[in-house]
Protein backbone atom coordinates (compact mmCIF):
# COMPACT_ATOMS: atom_id res chain seq x y z
CA UNK A 1 -112.89 93.91 85.86
CA UNK A 2 -113.89 94.52 82.35
CA UNK A 3 -112.73 98.12 82.66
CA UNK A 4 -109.40 96.82 83.88
CA UNK A 5 -109.19 94.37 80.99
CA UNK A 6 -110.12 97.10 78.58
CA UNK A 7 -107.44 99.38 80.03
CA UNK A 8 -104.90 96.52 79.90
CA UNK A 9 -105.75 95.78 76.28
CA UNK A 10 -105.49 99.46 75.41
CA UNK A 11 -102.07 99.59 77.12
CA UNK A 12 -100.94 96.55 75.10
CA UNK A 13 -102.17 98.12 71.86
CA UNK A 14 -100.34 101.36 72.68
CA UNK A 15 -97.20 99.38 73.46
CA UNK A 16 -97.52 97.49 70.17
CA UNK A 17 -97.91 100.76 68.23
CA UNK A 18 -94.85 102.17 70.00
CA UNK A 19 -92.91 99.01 69.17
CA UNK A 20 -93.95 99.25 65.51
CA UNK A 21 -92.73 102.86 65.44
CA UNK A 22 -89.41 101.82 66.95
CA UNK A 23 -89.04 98.98 64.44
CA UNK A 24 -89.89 101.34 61.56
CA UNK A 25 -87.33 103.89 62.77
CA UNK A 26 -84.72 101.12 63.04
CA UNK A 27 -85.47 100.02 59.44
CA UNK A 28 -85.21 103.59 58.18
CA UNK A 29 -81.94 104.06 60.08
CA UNK A 30 -80.57 100.79 58.66
CA UNK A 31 -81.63 101.75 55.13
CA UNK A 32 -79.95 105.13 55.53
CA UNK A 33 -76.75 103.48 56.80
CA UNK A 34 -76.72 101.07 53.85
CA UNK A 35 -77.17 103.94 51.38
CA UNK A 36 -74.43 105.94 53.10
CA UNK A 37 -72.12 102.92 53.05
CA UNK A 38 -72.79 102.39 49.34
CA UNK A 39 -72.11 106.00 48.46
CA UNK A 40 -68.95 105.99 50.61
CA UNK A 41 -67.78 102.78 48.91
CA UNK A 42 -68.50 104.28 45.49
CA UNK A 43 -66.52 107.36 46.43
CA UNK A 44 -63.57 105.21 47.56
CA UNK A 45 -63.76 103.20 44.33
CA UNK A 46 -63.66 106.38 42.25
CA UNK A 47 -60.69 107.72 44.23
CA UNK A 48 -58.84 104.41 43.86
CA UNK A 49 -59.63 104.31 40.15
CA UNK A 50 -58.32 107.85 39.70
CA UNK A 51 -55.17 107.01 41.65
CA UNK A 52 -54.48 103.92 39.54
CA UNK A 53 -55.21 105.82 36.31
CA UNK A 54 -52.71 108.48 37.36
CA UNK A 55 -50.12 105.80 38.14
CA UNK A 56 -50.75 104.18 34.76
CA UNK A 57 -50.38 107.48 32.92
CA UNK A 58 -47.09 108.14 34.74
CA UNK A 59 -45.82 104.63 33.99
CA UNK A 60 -46.83 104.87 30.34
CA UNK A 61 -45.17 108.27 30.00
CA UNK A 62 -41.92 106.99 31.53
CA UNK A 63 -41.77 103.84 29.42
CA UNK A 64 -43.15 105.08 26.13
CA UNK A 65 -40.35 107.60 25.63
CA UNK A 66 -37.97 104.71 24.80
CA UNK A 67 -40.49 103.35 22.32
CA UNK A 68 -40.84 106.76 20.71
CA UNK A 69 -37.09 106.97 20.23
CA UNK A 70 -36.99 103.45 18.76
CA UNK A 71 -39.88 104.34 16.43
CA UNK A 72 -38.10 107.50 15.28
CA UNK A 73 -34.85 105.60 14.68
CA UNK A 74 -36.67 102.89 12.73
CA UNK A 75 -38.48 105.52 10.65
CA UNK A 76 -35.21 107.28 9.81
CA UNK A 77 -33.60 103.98 8.82
CA UNK A 78 -36.60 102.94 6.73
CA UNK A 79 -36.77 106.31 5.01
CA UNK A 80 -33.05 106.01 4.18
CA UNK A 81 -33.49 102.52 2.71
CA UNK A 82 -36.51 103.63 0.67
CA UNK A 83 -34.53 106.56 -0.69
CA UNK A 84 -31.65 104.20 -1.63
CA UNK A 85 -34.03 101.85 -3.45
CA UNK A 86 -35.62 104.77 -5.30
CA UNK A 87 -32.22 106.06 -6.38
CA UNK A 88 -31.18 102.60 -7.58
CA UNK A 89 -34.48 102.29 -9.41
CA UNK A 90 -33.97 105.65 -11.11
CA UNK A 91 -30.39 104.77 -12.06
CA UNK A 92 -30.80 101.27 -13.39
CA UNK A 93 -34.55 100.92 -13.75
CA UNK A 94 -34.55 101.13 -17.54
CA UNK A 95 -31.72 98.57 -17.76
CA UNK A 96 -33.66 96.13 -15.54
CA UNK A 97 -36.78 96.61 -17.64
CA UNK A 98 -34.78 95.90 -20.82
CA UNK A 99 -33.33 92.73 -19.26
CA UNK A 100 -36.81 91.56 -18.21
CA UNK A 101 -38.23 92.17 -21.68
CA UNK A 102 -35.30 90.37 -23.29
CA UNK A 103 -35.72 87.41 -20.94
CA UNK A 104 -39.42 87.16 -21.72
CA UNK A 105 -39.15 87.63 -25.48
CA UNK A 106 -36.06 85.45 -25.96
CA UNK A 107 -37.25 82.45 -24.00
CA UNK A 108 -35.46 79.21 -24.72
CA UNK A 109 -37.62 76.31 -23.57
CA UNK A 110 -35.72 73.27 -22.36
CA UNK A 111 -37.17 69.88 -21.55
CA UNK A 112 -37.18 68.95 -17.94
CA UNK A 113 -34.83 66.22 -16.81
CA UNK A 114 -36.25 64.08 -14.08
């Protein structure tokens, strides 16, 4: 009987080793699937990101052209106004300076009426 028990125990030990191998293979398979799923998800994220970036670039290009035109128009108008002011300054600048000097040097103080 002891030989039978010994053979039975040996069979159980072999079965346990086989079960451990199967469990280990299942863990490795699961780990591989998780890694594959992560890399696939990362790939999808990158593709989605690229797609949205392309859409944004297209949208920005379509809508910024109006802004560019408005900026150019504003710049032209501003440049024109600056040129006008410079011309007026060149024409009557000395007269304005004389009037300012006269106002400062010929001050007539008056008492305040409250």
